[in-house]
Amino acid sequence: MFQAGALPSRTEIAMYVCVCHGITERQILGAVEQGARTLGEVQMTLPVGGCCGRCEDCAREVIRDCQRSRAGASNAVAA
């Protein structure tokens, strides 16, 4: 739930990455959590980038950000 004066986190807002197919950042994050590592692997389960292709750069950025945060969390646990 949102608190007055606090900004919502990325996971609290559904940001559309692919408008053509209605794919959200959350759905891409879910695919990465299930093991997808590249846009091509995400596309095996989601049609992101399958129409006009304008969302592909944004989708790749979401994938990279998720991988970085997962790697950072793994390093923090190991330390």
PDB file of N, CA and C in Angstrom:
ATOM      1  N   MET A   1       0.835  -1.173   0.000  1.00  0.00           N
ATOM      2  CA  MET A   1       0.000   0.000   0.000  1.00  0.00           C
ATOM      3  C   MET A   1       0.884   1.242   0.000  1.00  0.00           C
ATOM      4  N   PHE A   2       0.444   2.281  -0.645  1.00  0.00           N
ATOM      5  CA  PHE A   2       1.206   3.516  -0.720  1.00  0.00           C
ATOM      6  C   PHE A   2       1.051   4.313   0.559  1.00  0.00           C
ATOM      7  N   GLN A   3       2.138   4.944   0.980  1.00  0.00           N
ATOM      8  CA  GLN A   3       2.105   5.846   2.124  1.00  0.00           C
ATOM      9  C   GLN A   3       2.173   7.271   1.599  1.00  0.00           C
ATOM     10  N   ALA A   4       1.506   8.173   2.274  1.00  0.00           N
ATOM     11  CA  ALA A   4       1.530   9.574   1.864  1.00  0.00           C
ATOM     12  C   ALA A   4       2.969  10.072   1.844  1.00  0.00           C
ATOM     13  N   GLY A   5       3.356  10.678   0.738  1.00  0.00           N
ATOM     14  CA  GLY A   5       4.697  11.229   0.613  1.00  0.00           C
ATOM     15  C   GLY A   5       5.756  10.233   0.184  1.00  0.00           C
ATOM     16  N   ALA A   6       5.444   8.948   0.165  1.00  0.00           N
ATOM     17  CA  ALA A   6       6.412   7.925  -0.240  1.00  0.00           C
ATOM     18  C   ALA A   6       6.191   7.551  -1.702  1.00  0.00           C
ATOM     19  N   LEU A   7       7.280   7.346  -2.409  1.00  0.00           N
ATOM     20  CA  LEU A   7       7.168   6.916  -3.798  1.00  0.00           C
ATOM     21  C   LEU A   7       6.986   5.403  -3.837  1.00  0.00           C
ATOM     22  N   PRO A   8       6.112   4.910  -4.709  1.00  0.00           N
ATOM     23  CA  PRO A   8       5.926   3.464  -4.819  1.00  0.00           C
ATOM     24  C   PRO A   8       7.154   2.815  -5.441  1.00  0.00           C
ATOM     25  N   SER A   9       7.417   1.568  -5.087  1.00  0.00           N
ATOM     26  CA  SER A   9       8.542   0.838  -5.664  1.00  0.00           C
ATOM     27  C   SER A   9       8.160   0.330  -7.052  1.00  0.00           C
ATOM     28  N   ARG A  10       9.152  -0.163  -7.781  1.00  0.00           N
ATOM     29  CA  ARG A  10       8.913  -0.685  -9.132  1.00  0.00           C
ATOM     30  C   ARG A  10       7.914  -1.830  -9.128  1.00  0.00           C
ATOM     31  N   THR A  11       7.925  -2.635  -8.081  1.00  0.00           N
ATOM     32  CA  THR A  11       7.035  -3.791  -8.051  1.00  0.00           C
ATOM     33  C   THR A  11       5.597  -3.417  -7.719  1.00  0.00           C
ATOM     34  N   GLU A  12       5.368  -2.190  -7.250  1.00  0.00           N
ATOM     35  CA  GLU A  12       4.020  -1.758  -6.905  1.00  0.00           C
ATOM     36  C   GLU A  12       3.292  -1.107  -8.078  1.00  0.00           C
ATOM     37  N   ILE A  13       4.022  -0.800  -9.136  1.00  0.00           N
ATOM     38  CA  ILE A  13       3.432  -0.145 -10.307  1.00  0.00           C
ATOM     39  C   ILE A  13       3.579  -1.076 -11.506  1.00  0.00           C
ATOM     40  N   ALA A  14       2.513  -1.263 -12.254  1.00  0.00           N
ATOM     41  CA  ALA A  14       2.572  -2.077 -13.466  1.00  0.00           C
ATOM     42  C   ALA A  14       2.947  -1.174 -14.633  1.00  0.00           C
ATOM     43  N   MET A  15       4.237  -1.174 -14.994  1.00  0.00           N
ATOM     44  CA  MET A  15       4.692  -0.382 -16.125  1.00  0.00           C
ATOM     45  C   MET A  15       4.610  -1.231 -17.386  1.00  0.00           C
ATOM     46  N   TYR A  16       3.915  -0.725 -18.384  1.00  0.00           N
ATOM     47  CA  TYR A  16       3.821  -1.455 -19.642  1.00  0.00           C
ATOM     48  C   TYR A  16       5.103  -1.271 -20.426  1.00  0.00           C
ATOM     49  N   VAL A  17       5.688  -2.370 -20.831  1.00  0.00           N
ATOM     50  CA  VAL A  17       6.891  -2.359 -21.655  1.00  0.00           C
ATOM     51  C   VAL A  17       6.487  -2.527 -23.117  1.00  0.00           C
ATOM     52  N   CYS A  18       5.598  -3.465 -23.380  1.00  0.00           N
ATOM     53  CA  CYS A  18       5.122  -3.746 -24.736  1.00  0.00           C
ATOM     54  C   CYS A  18       3.638  -3.401 -24.803  1.00  0.00           C
ATOM     55  N   VAL A  19       3.355  -2.272 -25.442  1.00  0.00           N
ATOM     56  CA  VAL A  19       1.970  -1.824 -25.543  1.00  0.00           C
ATOM     57  C   VAL A  19       1.204  -2.683 -26.549  1.00  0.00           C
ATOM     58  N   CYS A  20       1.869  -3.127 -27.605  1.00  0.00           N
ATOM     59  CA  CYS A  20       1.201  -3.935 -28.638  1.00  0.00           C
ATOM     60  C   CYS A  20       0.562  -5.200 -28.048  1.00  0.00           C
ATOM     61  N   HIS A  21       1.271  -5.826 -27.096  1.00  0.00           N
ATOM     62  CA  HIS A  21       0.793  -7.086 -26.519  1.00  0.00           C
ATOM     63  C   HIS A  21       0.406  -6.955 -25.046  1.00  0.00           C
ATOM     64  N   GLY A  22       0.492  -5.751 -24.495  1.00  0.00           N
ATOM     65  CA  GLY A  22       0.097  -5.539 -23.104  1.00  0.00           C
ATOM     66  C   GLY A  22       0.995  -6.235 -22.104  1.00  0.00           C
ATOM     67  N   ILE A  23       2.305  -6.300 -22.386  1.00  0.00           N
ATOM     68  CA  ILE A  23       3.255  -6.975 -21.503  1.00  0.00           C
ATOM     69  C   ILE A  23       3.840  -5.959 -20.528  1.00  0.00           C
ATOM     70  N   THR A  24       3.792  -6.292 -19.246  1.00  0.00           N
ATOM     71  CA  THR A  24       4.297  -5.393 -18.209  1.00  0.00           C
ATOM     72  C   THR A  24       5.699  -5.789 -17.757  1.00  0.00           C
ATOM     73  N   GLU A  25       6.337  -4.833 -17.100  1.00  0.00           N
ATOM     74  CA  GLU A  25       7.646  -5.072 -16.507  1.00  0.00           C
ATOM     75  C   GLU A  25       7.578  -6.260 -15.537  1.00  0.00           C
ATOM     76  N   ARG A  26       6.504  -6.331 -14.785  1.00  0.00           N
ATOM     77  CA  ARG A  26       6.320  -7.418 -13.812  1.00  0.00           C
ATOM     78  C   ARG A  26       6.327  -8.788 -14.493  1.00  0.00           C
ATOM     79  N   GLN A  27       5.695  -8.887 -15.659  1.00  0.00           N
ATOM     80  CA  GLN A  27       5.675 -10.161 -16.378  1.00  0.00           C
ATOM     81  C   GLN A  27       7.072 -10.550 -16.852  1.00  0.00           C
ATOM     82  N   ILE A  28       7.840  -9.567 -17.318  1.00  0.00           N
ATOM     83  CA  ILE A  28       9.211  -9.839 -17.750  1.00  0.00           C
ATOM     84  C   ILE A  28      10.056 -10.270 -16.553  1.00  0.00           C
ATOM     85  N   LEU A  29       9.895  -9.581 -15.420  1.00  0.00           N
ATOM     86  CA  LEU A  29      10.612  -9.962 -14.200  1.00  0.00           C
ATOM     87  C   LEU A  29      10.267 -11.393 -13.800  1.00  0.00           C
ATOM     88  N   GLY A  30       9.005 -11.764 -13.954  1.00  0.00           N
ATOM     89  CA  GLY A  30       8.590 -13.133 -13.649  1.00  0.00           C
ATOM     90  C   GLY A  30       9.290 -14.147 -14.533  1.00  0.00           C
ATOM     91  N   ALA A  31       9.440 -13.827 -15.818  1.00  0.00           N
ATOM     92  CA  ALA A  31      10.138 -14.735 -16.737  1.00  0.00           C
ATOM     93  C   ALA A  31      11.602 -14.883 -16.349  1.00  0.00           C
ATOM     94  N   VAL A  32      12.215 -13.777 -15.926  1.00  0.00           N
ATOM     95  CA  VAL A  32      13.614 -13.833 -15.483  1.00  0.00           C
ATOM     96  C   VAL A  32      13.721 -14.653 -14.204  1.00  0.00           C
ATOM     97  N   GLU A  33      12.780 -14.473 -13.302  1.00  0.00           N
ATOM     98  CA  GLU A  33      12.776 -15.271 -12.070  1.00  0.00           C
ATOM     99  C   GLU A  33      12.622 -16.767 -12.369  1.00  0.00           C
ATOM    100  N   GLN A  34      11.970 -17.085 -13.480  1.00  0.00           N
ATOM    101  CA  GLN A  34      11.785 -18.485 -13.885  1.00  0.00           C
ATOM    102  C   GLN A  34      12.987 -19.022 -14.657  1.00  0.00           C
ATOM    103  N   GLY A  35      14.009 -18.163 -14.881  1.00  0.00           N
ATOM    104  CA  GLY A  35      15.242 -18.639 -15.503  1.00  0.00           C
ATOM    105  C   GLY A  35      15.618 -18.016 -16.836  1.00  0.00           C
ATOM    106  N   ALA A  36      14.761 -17.192 -17.436  1.00  0.00           N
ATOM    107  CA  ALA A  36      15.110 -16.546 -18.697  1.00  0.00           C
ATOM    108  C   ALA A  36      16.265 -15.577 -18.461  1.00  0.00           C
ATOM    109  N   ARG A  37      17.261 -15.592 -19.366  1.00  0.00           N
ATOM    110  CA  ARG A  37      18.427 -14.726 -19.207  1.00  0.00           C
ATOM    111  C   ARG A  37      18.571 -13.703 -20.325  1.00  0.00           C
ATOM    112  N   THR A  38      17.891 -13.919 -21.437  1.00  0.00           N
ATOM    113  CA  THR A  38      18.003 -13.031 -22.588  1.00  0.00           C
ATOM    114  C   THR A  38      16.610 -12.663 -23.081  1.00  0.00           C
ATOM    115  N   LEU A  39      16.549 -11.644 -23.943  1.00  0.00           N
ATOM    116  CA  LEU A  39      15.265 -11.278 -24.534  1.00  0.00           C
ATOM    117  C   LEU A  39      14.694 -12.458 -25.314  1.00  0.00           C
ATOM    118  N   GLY A  40      15.533 -13.162 -26.039  1.00  0.00           N
ATOM    119  CA  GLY A  40      15.063 -14.334 -26.787  1.00  0.00           C
ATOM    120  C   GLY A  40      14.426 -15.384 -25.893  1.00  0.00           C
ATOM    121  N   GLU A  41      15.014 -15.599 -24.730  1.00  0.00           N
ATOM    122  CA  GLU A  41      14.448 -16.570 -23.787  1.00  0.00           C
ATOM    123  C   GLU A  41      13.143 -16.053 -23.194  1.00  0.00           C
ATOM    124  N   VAL A  42      13.062 -14.753 -22.922  1.00  0.00           N
ATOM    125  CA  VAL A  42      11.808 -14.173 -22.431  1.00  0.00           C
ATOM    126  C   VAL A  42      10.725 -14.327 -23.506  1.00  0.00           C
ATOM    127  N   GLN A  43      11.107 -14.132 -24.762  1.00  0.00           N
ATOM    128  CA  GLN A  43      10.152 -14.221 -25.861  1.00  0.00           C
ATOM    129  C   GLN A  43       9.611 -15.636 -26.066  1.00  0.00           C
ATOM    130  N   MET A  44      10.253 -16.632 -25.495  1.00  0.00           N
ATOM    131  CA  MET A  44       9.730 -17.999 -25.578  1.00  0.00           C
ATOM    132  C   MET A  44       8.462 -18.161 -24.749  1.00  0.00           C
ATOM    133  N   THR A  45       8.268 -17.277 -23.767  1.00  0.00           N
ATOM    134  CA  THR A  45       7.077 -17.361 -22.922  1.00  0.00           C
ATOM    135  C   THR A  45       6.168 -16.150 -23.043  1.00  0.00           C
ATOM    136  N   LEU A  46       6.714 -15.016 -23.494  1.00  0.00           N
ATOM    137  CA  LEU A  46       5.928 -13.779 -23.623  1.00  0.00           C
ATOM    138  C   LEU A  46       6.133 -13.199 -25.017  1.00  0.00           C
ATOM    139  N   PRO A  47       5.099 -12.611 -25.615  1.00  0.00           N
ATOM    140  CA  PRO A  47       5.250 -12.058 -26.967  1.00  0.00           C
ATOM    141  C   PRO A  47       5.859 -10.654 -27.002  1.00  0.00           C
ATOM    142  N   VAL A  48       6.652 -10.271 -26.002  1.00  0.00           N
ATOM    143  CA  VAL A  48       7.251  -8.938 -25.960  1.00  0.00           C
ATOM    144  C   VAL A  48       8.146  -8.745 -27.190  1.00  0.00           C
ATOM    145  N   GLY A  49       7.961  -7.618 -27.876  1.00  0.00           N
ATOM    146  CA  GLY A  49       8.755  -7.325 -29.065  1.00  0.00           C
ATOM    147  C   GLY A  49       8.307  -8.056 -30.305  1.00  0.00           C
ATOM    148  N   GLY A  50       7.190  -8.748 -30.233  1.00  0.00           N
ATOM    149  CA  GLY A  50       6.745  -9.570 -31.352  1.00  0.00           C
ATOM    150  C   GLY A  50       5.921  -8.845 -32.399  1.00  0.00           C
ATOM    151  N   CYS A  51       5.751  -7.544 -32.259  1.00  0.00           N
ATOM    152  CA  CYS A  51       4.939  -6.794 -33.227  1.00  0.00           C
ATOM    153  C   CYS A  51       5.807  -5.715 -33.865  1.00  0.00           C
ATOM    154  N   CYS A  52       5.831  -4.528 -33.298  1.00  0.00           N
ATOM    155  CA  CYS A  52       6.591  -3.422 -33.905  1.00  0.00           C
ATOM    156  C   CYS A  52       8.056  -3.426 -33.483  1.00  0.00           C
ATOM    157  N   GLY A  53       8.385  -4.037 -32.337  1.00  0.00           N
ATOM    158  CA  GLY A  53       9.765  -4.140 -31.875  1.00  0.00           C
ATOM    159  C   GLY A  53      10.305  -2.934 -31.126  1.00  0.00           C
ATOM    160  N   ARG A  54       9.506  -1.887 -30.970  1.00  0.00           N
ATOM    161  CA  ARG A  54       9.998  -0.675 -30.301  1.00  0.00           C
ATOM    162  C   ARG A  54      10.300  -0.891 -28.824  1.00  0.00           C
ATOM    163  N   CYS A  55       9.762  -1.922 -28.229  1.00  0.00           N
ATOM    164  CA  CYS A  55       9.937  -2.167 -26.798  1.00  0.00           C
ATOM    165  C   CYS A  55      11.167  -3.013 -26.481  1.00  0.00           C
ATOM    166  N   GLU A  56      11.847  -3.524 -27.492  1.00  0.00           N
ATOM    167  CA  GLU A  56      12.929  -4.475 -27.236  1.00  0.00           C
ATOM    168  C   GLU A  56      14.044  -3.900 -26.373  1.00  0.00           C
ATOM    169  N   ASP A  57      14.449  -2.655 -26.610  1.00  0.00           N
ATOM    170  CA  ASP A  57      15.507  -2.058 -25.784  1.00  0.00           C
ATOM    171  C   ASP A  57      15.073  -1.940 -24.330  1.00  0.00           C
ATOM    172  N   CYS A  58      13.845  -1.512 -24.106  1.00  0.00           N
ATOM    173  CA  CYS A  58      13.326  -1.390 -22.743  1.00  0.00           C
ATOM    174  C   CYS A  58      13.249  -2.768 -22.081  1.00  0.00           C
ATOM    175  N   ALA A  59      12.798  -3.766 -22.825  1.00  0.00           N
ATOM    176  CA  ALA A  59      12.707  -5.127 -22.280  1.00  0.00           C
ATOM    177  C   ALA A  59      14.092  -5.635 -21.888  1.00  0.00           C
ATOM    178  N   ARG A  60      15.086  -5.384 -22.732  1.00  0.00           N
ATOM    179  CA  ARG A  60      16.459  -5.796 -22.404  1.00  0.00           C
ATOM    180  C   ARG A  60      16.949  -5.095 -21.130  1.00  0.00           C
ATOM    181  N   GLU A  61      16.602  -3.828 -20.988  1.00  0.00           N
ATOM    182  CA  GLU A  61      16.995  -3.079 -19.794  1.00  0.00           C
ATOM    183  C   GLU A  61      16.344  -3.668 -18.539  1.00  0.00           C
ATOM    184  N   VAL A  62      15.087  -4.041 -18.626  1.00  0.00           N
ATOM    185  CA  VAL A  62      14.389  -4.662 -17.491  1.00  0.00           C
ATOM    186  C   VAL A  62      15.077  -5.977 -17.123  1.00  0.00           C
ATOM    187  N   ILE A  63      15.428  -6.757 -18.132  1.00  0.00           N
ATOM    188  CA  ILE A  63      16.107  -8.042 -17.897  1.00  0.00           C
ATOM    189  C   ILE A  63      17.451  -7.801 -17.212  1.00  0.00           C
ATOM    190  N   ARG A  64      18.240  -6.854 -17.725  1.00  0.00           N
ATOM    191  CA  ARG A  64      19.552  -6.541 -17.120  1.00  0.00           C
ATOM    192  C   ARG A  64      19.408  -6.061 -15.682  1.00  0.00           C
ATOM    193  N   ASP A  65      18.450  -5.160 -15.450  1.00  0.00           N
ATOM    194  CA  ASP A  65      18.237  -4.642 -14.092  1.00  0.00           C
ATOM    195  C   ASP A  65      17.886  -5.763 -13.119  1.00  0.00           C
ATOM    196  N   CYS A  66      17.039  -6.664 -13.557  1.00  0.00           N
ATOM    197  CA  CYS A  66      16.636  -7.787 -12.701  1.00  0.00           C
ATOM    198  C   CYS A  66      17.833  -8.686 -12.412  1.00  0.00           C
ATOM    199  N   GLN A  67      18.631  -8.967 -13.438  1.00  0.00           N
ATOM    200  CA  GLN A  67      19.805  -9.810 -13.239  1.00  0.00           C
ATOM    201  C   GLN A  67      20.798  -9.156 -12.284  1.00  0.00           C
ATOM    202  N   ARG A  68      20.990  -7.848 -12.421  1.00  0.00           N
ATOM    203  CA  ARG A  68      21.910  -7.131 -11.528  1.00  0.00           C
ATOM    204  C   ARG A  68      21.417  -7.151 -10.090  1.00  0.00           C
ATOM    205  N   SER A  69      20.123  -6.942  -9.897  1.00  0.00           N
ATOM    206  CA  SER A  69      19.606  -6.936  -8.525  1.00  0.00           C
ATOM    207  C   SER A  69      19.660  -8.338  -7.921  1.00  0.00           C
ATOM    208  N   ARG A  70      19.443  -9.351  -8.742  1.00  0.00           N
ATOM    209  CA  ARG A  70      19.558 -10.729  -8.235  1.00  0.00           C
ATOM    210  C   ARG A  70      20.996 -11.052  -7.887  1.00  0.00           C
ATOM    211  N   ALA A  71      21.956 -10.605  -8.718  1.00  0.00           N
ATOM    212  CA  ALA A  71      23.371 -10.849  -8.441  1.00  0.00           C
ATOM    213  C   ALA A  71      23.803 -10.099  -7.184  1.00  0.00           C
ATOM    214  N   GLY A  72      23.315  -8.872  -7.011  1.00  0.00           N
ATOM    215  CA  GLY A  72      23.635  -8.101  -5.815  1.00  0.00           C
ATOM    216  C   GLY A  72      23.091  -8.752  -4.570  1.00  0.00           C
ATOM    217  N   ALA A  73      21.886  -9.315  -4.670  1.00  0.00           N
ATOM    218  CA  ALA A  73      21.282  -9.997  -3.520  1.00  0.00           C
ATOM    219  C   ALA A  73      22.076 -11.269  -3.189  1.00  0.00           C
ATOM    220  N   SER A  74      22.538 -11.980  -4.218  1.00  0.00           N
ATOM    221  CA  SER A  74      23.319 -13.190  -3.994  1.00  0.00           C
ATOM    222  C   SER A  74      24.657 -12.854  -3.333  1.00  0.00           C
ATOM    223  N   ASN A  75      25.294 -11.776  -3.782  1.00  0.00           N
ATOM    224  CA  ASN A  75      26.572 -11.358  -3.196  1.00  0.00           C
ATOM    225  C   ASN A  75      26.387 -10.919  -1.752  1.00  0.00           C
ATOM    226  N   ALA A  76      25.281 -10.262  -1.439  1.00  0.00           N
ATOM    227  CA  ALA A  76      25.025  -9.813  -0.079  1.00  0.00           C
ATOM    228  C   ALA A  76      24.808 -10.993   0.854  1.00  0.00           C
ATOM    229  N   VAL A  77      24.151 -12.039   0.359  1.00  0.00           N
ATOM    230  CA  VAL A  77      23.916 -13.246   1.166  1.00  0.00           C
ATOM    231  C   VAL A  77      25.217 -13.987   1.399  1.00  0.00           C
ATOM    232  N   ALA A  78      26.085 -14.023   0.383  1.00  0.00           N
ATOM    233  CA  ALA A  78      27.343 -14.742   0.490  1.00  0.00           C
ATOM    234  C   ALA A  78      28.331 -14.048   1.426  1.00  0.00           C
ATOM    235  N   ALA A  79      28.199 -12.760   1.577  1.00  0.00           N
ATOM    236  CA  ALA A  79      29.152 -11.996   2.393  1.00  0.00           C
ATOM    237  C   ALA A  79      28.913 -12.118   3.846  1.00  0.00           C
TER     238      ALA A  79
END
